[in-house]
Amino acid sequence: MSQANPSSLPGQTLPDVIDLLVGIEPGDRLDTIRRHRLQARTHAQESYRALFAPTAPAPGAVTLAERLAVAAFVAGLHQQPDAAAFYAAALVAQDAGAGLAQAIAAEVSRGAAQGPYGHYPAGPLSRENTDGLAYAVGEAQRAVLGARLSAGLAHAHLLTFRPRDASPEALQALLSAGWSATDIVILSQLVAFLSFQIRVVVGLRTLAAHPAPHTPLSPRTAEAQP
């Protein structure tokens, strides 16, 4: 697999990030597969650019460092070390310092879980209630990350593993930590996009590892080809 190199600003001159994480080269089999879904491929990259290199003036006050920190954290929670390393390296390249990336890595370990879990409102779905980790950033890393980013990571963990526990109280915790309503929307978009991006990467890697067997065309099918 090609090594992702996010040393420049995300989205400026960077090639397709999904291709980069999977190791897709122009003209190879997976490139051909993705070119058959060109609109989906384009929209995925445009979504990445909108979140990590938004056109000025960008809505909200979520900094690039915060976006990359959340991305590295969520990728780590999904147990995708290549994606986590990609976003962590970009975080360091933004002059955020290695300390911030190290704090994120430490919190990925603290926040590791298997989901989804949580509790539904009282009703028929309550029988599916499952207990699990109610994550909060540890005190040692909170001193590095700050109250605002710590609250953002806690909410990202909630959306990743226990979205059924989403509540007005969870949103209020973000507001109290300095996240505006617009910022909260951006945070939620980041978590959703990372989940999507990682699923695509995992799926493409599976295709690369287990290619479909080649089936020769029947004479009749061959004759019908343009």
Protein backbone atom coordinates (compact mmCIF):
# COMPACT_ATOMS: atom_id res chain seq x y z
CA MET A 1 0.00 0.00 0.00
CA SER A 2 1.24 3.49 -0.79
CA GLN A 3 2.26 5.57 2.21
CA ALA A 4 -0.04 8.53 2.77
CA ASN A 5 1.86 11.80 2.90
CA PRO A 6 -0.31 14.57 4.33
CA SER A 7 2.51 17.07 4.83
CA SER A 8 0.74 19.80 2.88
CA LEU A 9 -2.52 21.44 3.83
CA PRO A 10 -5.28 18.83 3.54
CA GLY A 11 -7.11 19.13 0.25
CA GLN A 12 -4.83 21.64 -1.52
CA THR A 13 -2.64 19.52 -3.80
CA LEU A 14 -3.44 16.20 -2.20
CA PRO A 15 -4.60 13.38 -4.49
CA ASP A 16 -7.79 11.51 -3.78
CA VAL A 17 -7.55 10.61 -0.09
CA ILE A 18 -9.41 7.32 -0.36
CA ASP A 19 -7.08 6.27 -3.19
CA LEU A 20 -4.14 7.30 -1.03
CA LEU A 21 -5.25 5.32 2.01
CA VAL A 22 -6.04 2.22 -0.03
CA GLY A 23 -2.94 2.46 -2.23
CA ILE A 24 -4.81 2.76 -5.52
CA GLU A 25 -2.66 3.63 -8.52
CA PRO A 26 -3.94 5.14 -11.79
CA GLY A 27 -5.06 2.41 -14.15
CA ASP A 28 -5.08 -0.45 -11.67
CA ARG A 29 -8.10 -2.66 -11.04
CA LEU A 30 -9.49 -0.68 -8.11
CA ASP A 31 -9.01 2.57 -10.02
CA THR A 32 -11.12 1.10 -12.81
CA ILE A 33 -13.79 0.08 -10.31
CA ARG A 34 -13.90 3.56 -8.78
CA ARG A 35 -14.04 5.21 -12.22
CA HIS A 36 -17.29 3.33 -12.83
CA ARG A 37 -18.72 5.31 -9.88
CA LEU A 38 -17.12 8.62 -10.78
CA GLN A 39 -19.83 10.77 -9.21
CA ALA A 40 -19.53 8.94 -5.87
CA ARG A 41 -15.74 9.21 -6.07
CA THR A 42 -15.89 12.94 -6.75
CA HIS A 43 -18.43 13.61 -4.00
CA ALA A 44 -16.32 11.73 -1.45
CA GLN A 45 -13.27 13.86 -2.22
CA GLU A 46 -15.33 17.06 -2.27
CA SER A 47 -16.73 16.17 1.15
CA TYR A 48 -13.18 15.74 2.42
CA ARG A 49 -12.20 19.13 1.02
CA ALA A 50 -15.30 20.81 2.48
CA LEU A 51 -14.44 19.54 5.95
CA PHE A 52 -10.64 19.88 5.93
CA ALA A 53 -10.02 22.70 3.45
CA PRO A 54 -13.26 24.72 3.45
CA THR A 55 -13.57 27.72 1.17
CA ALA A 56 -13.31 31.01 3.05
CA PRO A 57 -15.28 32.34 4.75
CA ALA A 58 -15.95 29.00 6.41
CA PRO A 59 -18.94 28.69 8.74
CA GLY A 60 -18.36 28.17 12.42
CA ALA A 61 -15.18 28.41 14.44
CA VAL A 62 -13.85 24.83 14.28
CA THR A 63 -10.14 25.14 13.59
CA LEU A 64 -8.23 22.88 11.22
CA ALA A 65 -6.29 21.46 14.18
CA GLU A 66 -9.57 20.56 15.91
CA ARG A 67 -10.90 18.93 12.74
CA LEU A 68 -7.75 16.86 12.29
CA ALA A 69 -7.67 15.90 15.97
CA VAL A 70 -11.27 14.67 15.83
CA ALA A 71 -10.53 12.80 12.59
CA ALA A 72 -7.46 11.06 14.05
CA PHE A 73 -9.47 10.15 17.15
CA VAL A 74 -12.44 8.73 15.24
CA ALA A 75 -10.20 6.81 12.83
CA GLY A 76 -8.44 5.32 15.83
CA LEU A 77 -11.73 4.33 17.43
CA HIS A 78 -12.60 2.52 14.19
CA GLN A 79 -9.32 0.61 14.58
CA GLN A 80 -7.92 1.98 11.34
CA PRO A 81 -4.30 2.85 12.16
CA ASP A 82 -3.38 4.00 8.63
CA ALA A 83 -6.20 6.55 8.55
CA ALA A 84 -5.45 7.61 12.13
CA ALA A 85 -1.77 8.09 11.24
CA PHE A 86 -2.71 10.08 8.14
CA TYR A 87 -4.77 12.59 10.12
CA ALA A 88 -2.32 12.65 13.05
CA ALA A 89 0.56 13.47 10.69
CA ALA A 90 -1.49 16.25 9.14
CA LEU A 91 -2.21 17.52 12.65
CA VAL A 92 1.51 17.69 13.46
CA ALA A 93 2.14 19.43 10.10
CA GLN A 94 -0.26 22.19 11.12
CA ASP A 95 2.18 23.23 13.86
CA ALA A 96 -0.12 21.70 16.45
CA GLY A 97 2.91 19.97 17.94
CA ALA A 98 3.54 16.31 18.54
CA GLY A 99 2.05 16.61 22.03
CA LEU A 100 -1.46 17.05 20.68
CA ALA A 101 -1.20 14.03 18.37
CA GLN A 102 0.24 11.96 21.22
CA ALA A 103 -2.63 13.00 23.47
CA ILE A 104 -5.11 11.91 20.80
CA ALA A 105 -3.36 8.53 20.48
CA ALA A 106 -3.53 8.06 24.24
CA GLU A 107 -7.25 8.85 24.25
CA VAL A 108 -7.88 6.40 21.41
CA SER A 109 -6.52 3.68 23.69
CA ARG A 110 -8.64 4.89 26.62
CA GLY A 111 -11.75 5.13 24.46
CA ALA A 112 -11.46 1.73 22.76
CA ALA A 113 -14.80 -0.08 22.75
CA GLN A 114 -17.08 -2.32 20.73
CA GLY A 115 -20.41 -0.85 19.71
CA PRO A 116 -23.03 0.11 19.19
CA TYR A 117 -24.29 0.18 22.74
CA GLY A 118 -26.37 2.44 24.95
CA HIS A 119 -29.95 2.79 26.08
CA TYR A 120 -33.10 3.56 24.13
CA PRO A 121 -36.04 5.52 25.58
CA ALA A 122 -38.48 3.30 27.45
CA GLY A 123 -40.37 1.20 24.93
CA PRO A 124 -40.11 -1.87 22.70
CA LEU A 125 -36.44 -1.20 21.85
CA SER A 126 -35.43 -1.14 25.51
CA ARG A 127 -34.76 -4.87 25.40
CA GLU A 128 -31.79 -4.06 23.15
CA ASN A 129 -30.20 -1.81 25.76
CA THR A 130 -26.51 -2.57 26.26
CA ASP A 131 -24.14 -1.11 28.80
CA GLY A 132 -20.77 0.20 27.70
CA LEU A 133 -18.08 2.78 28.27
CA ALA A 134 -19.31 6.31 28.99
CA TYR A 135 -16.14 7.97 27.73
CA ALA A 136 -14.60 11.20 28.95
CA VAL A 137 -11.09 12.49 28.30
CA GLY A 138 -8.65 11.65 31.10
CA GLU A 139 -7.35 14.43 33.30
CA ALA A 140 -3.76 14.08 32.06
CA GLN A 141 -4.74 14.55 28.41
CA ARG A 142 -7.37 17.14 29.19
CA ALA A 143 -4.57 19.47 30.24
CA VAL A 144 -3.10 19.12 26.73
CA LEU A 145 -6.32 19.10 24.73
CA GLY A 146 -8.24 21.78 26.62
CA ALA A 147 -11.87 21.80 27.69
CA ARG A 148 -13.31 22.53 24.23
CA LEU A 149 -11.54 19.76 22.30
CA SER A 150 -12.03 17.33 25.20
CA ALA A 151 -15.77 17.90 24.99
CA GLY A 152 -15.62 17.43 21.22
CA LEU A 153 -13.86 14.08 21.58
CA ALA A 154 -16.37 12.90 24.15
CA HIS A 155 -19.21 13.74 21.76
CA ALA A 156 -17.41 12.07 18.85
CA HIS A 157 -17.09 8.93 20.97
CA LEU A 158 -20.80 9.07 21.78
CA LEU A 159 -21.75 9.37 18.10
CA THR A 160 -19.37 6.54 17.14
CA PHE A 161 -20.39 3.97 19.74
CA ARG A 162 -23.62 4.98 21.44
CA PRO A 163 -25.66 7.38 19.30
CA ARG A 164 -28.82 6.06 20.99
CA ASP A 165 -27.64 7.97 24.10
CA ALA A 166 -27.65 11.33 22.30
CA SER A 167 -29.54 13.83 24.43
CA PRO A 168 -30.07 17.53 25.09
CA GLU A 169 -27.62 17.15 27.98
CA ALA A 170 -24.92 15.91 25.59
CA LEU A 171 -25.44 18.93 23.34
CA GLN A 172 -25.42 21.25 26.33
CA ALA A 173 -22.03 19.86 27.36
CA LEU A 174 -20.68 20.99 23.99
CA LEU A 175 -22.30 24.41 24.23
CA SER A 176 -20.88 24.87 27.72
CA ALA A 177 -17.40 24.02 26.41
CA GLY A 178 -17.59 26.70 23.72
CA TRP A 179 -19.02 24.84 20.71
CA SER A 180 -21.64 26.89 18.88
CA ALA A 181 -24.63 25.29 17.18
CA THR A 182 -22.81 25.58 13.84
CA ASP A 183 -19.67 24.06 15.35
CA ILE A 184 -21.70 21.10 16.64
CA VAL A 185 -23.07 20.48 13.16
CA ILE A 186 -19.52 20.48 11.77
CA LEU A 187 -18.39 18.09 14.52
CA SER A 188 -21.22 15.71 13.68
CA GLN A 189 -20.38 15.95 9.98
CA LEU A 190 -16.76 15.05 10.72
CA VAL A 191 -17.74 11.92 12.64
CA ALA A 192 -20.21 10.85 9.93
CA PHE A 193 -17.71 11.48 7.13
CA LEU A 194 -14.94 9.52 8.85
CA SER A 195 -17.29 6.57 9.31
CA PHE A 196 -18.17 6.71 5.61
CA GLN A 197 -14.59 7.18 4.43
CA ILE A 198 -13.30 4.31 6.55
CA ARG A 199 -16.04 1.95 5.36
CA VAL A 200 -15.13 2.71 1.75
CA VAL A 201 -11.42 2.17 2.45
CA VAL A 202 -12.08 -1.16 4.22
CA GLY A 203 -14.35 -2.29 1.39
CA LEU A 204 -11.82 -1.45 -1.29
CA ARG A 205 -9.04 -3.20 0.63
CA THR A 206 -11.25 -6.27 0.86
CA LEU A 207 -11.75 -6.18 -2.91
CA ALA A 208 -8.00 -5.86 -3.38
CA ALA A 209 -7.32 -8.83 -1.11
CA HIS A 210 -10.06 -11.03 -2.56
CA PRO A 211 -10.51 -10.18 -6.25
CA ALA A 212 -13.50 -11.70 -7.97
CA PRO A 213 -12.55 -14.63 -10.20
CA HIS A 214 -12.41 -13.81 -13.88
CA THR A 215 -15.34 -15.30 -15.77
CA PRO A 216 -14.75 -15.69 -19.51
CA LEU A 217 -17.46 -14.20 -21.67
CA SER A 218 -19.69 -16.60 -23.48
CA PRO A 219 -19.56 -16.35 -27.30
CA ARG A 220 -22.97 -14.68 -27.36
CA THR A 221 -22.01 -12.16 -24.68
CA ALA A 222 -18.72 -11.44 -26.43
CA GLU A 223 -20.53 -10.72 -29.69
CA ALA A 224 -22.72 -8.19 -27.90
CA GLN A 225 -19.78 -6.16 -26.63
CA PRO A 226 -19.31 -2.78 -28.37
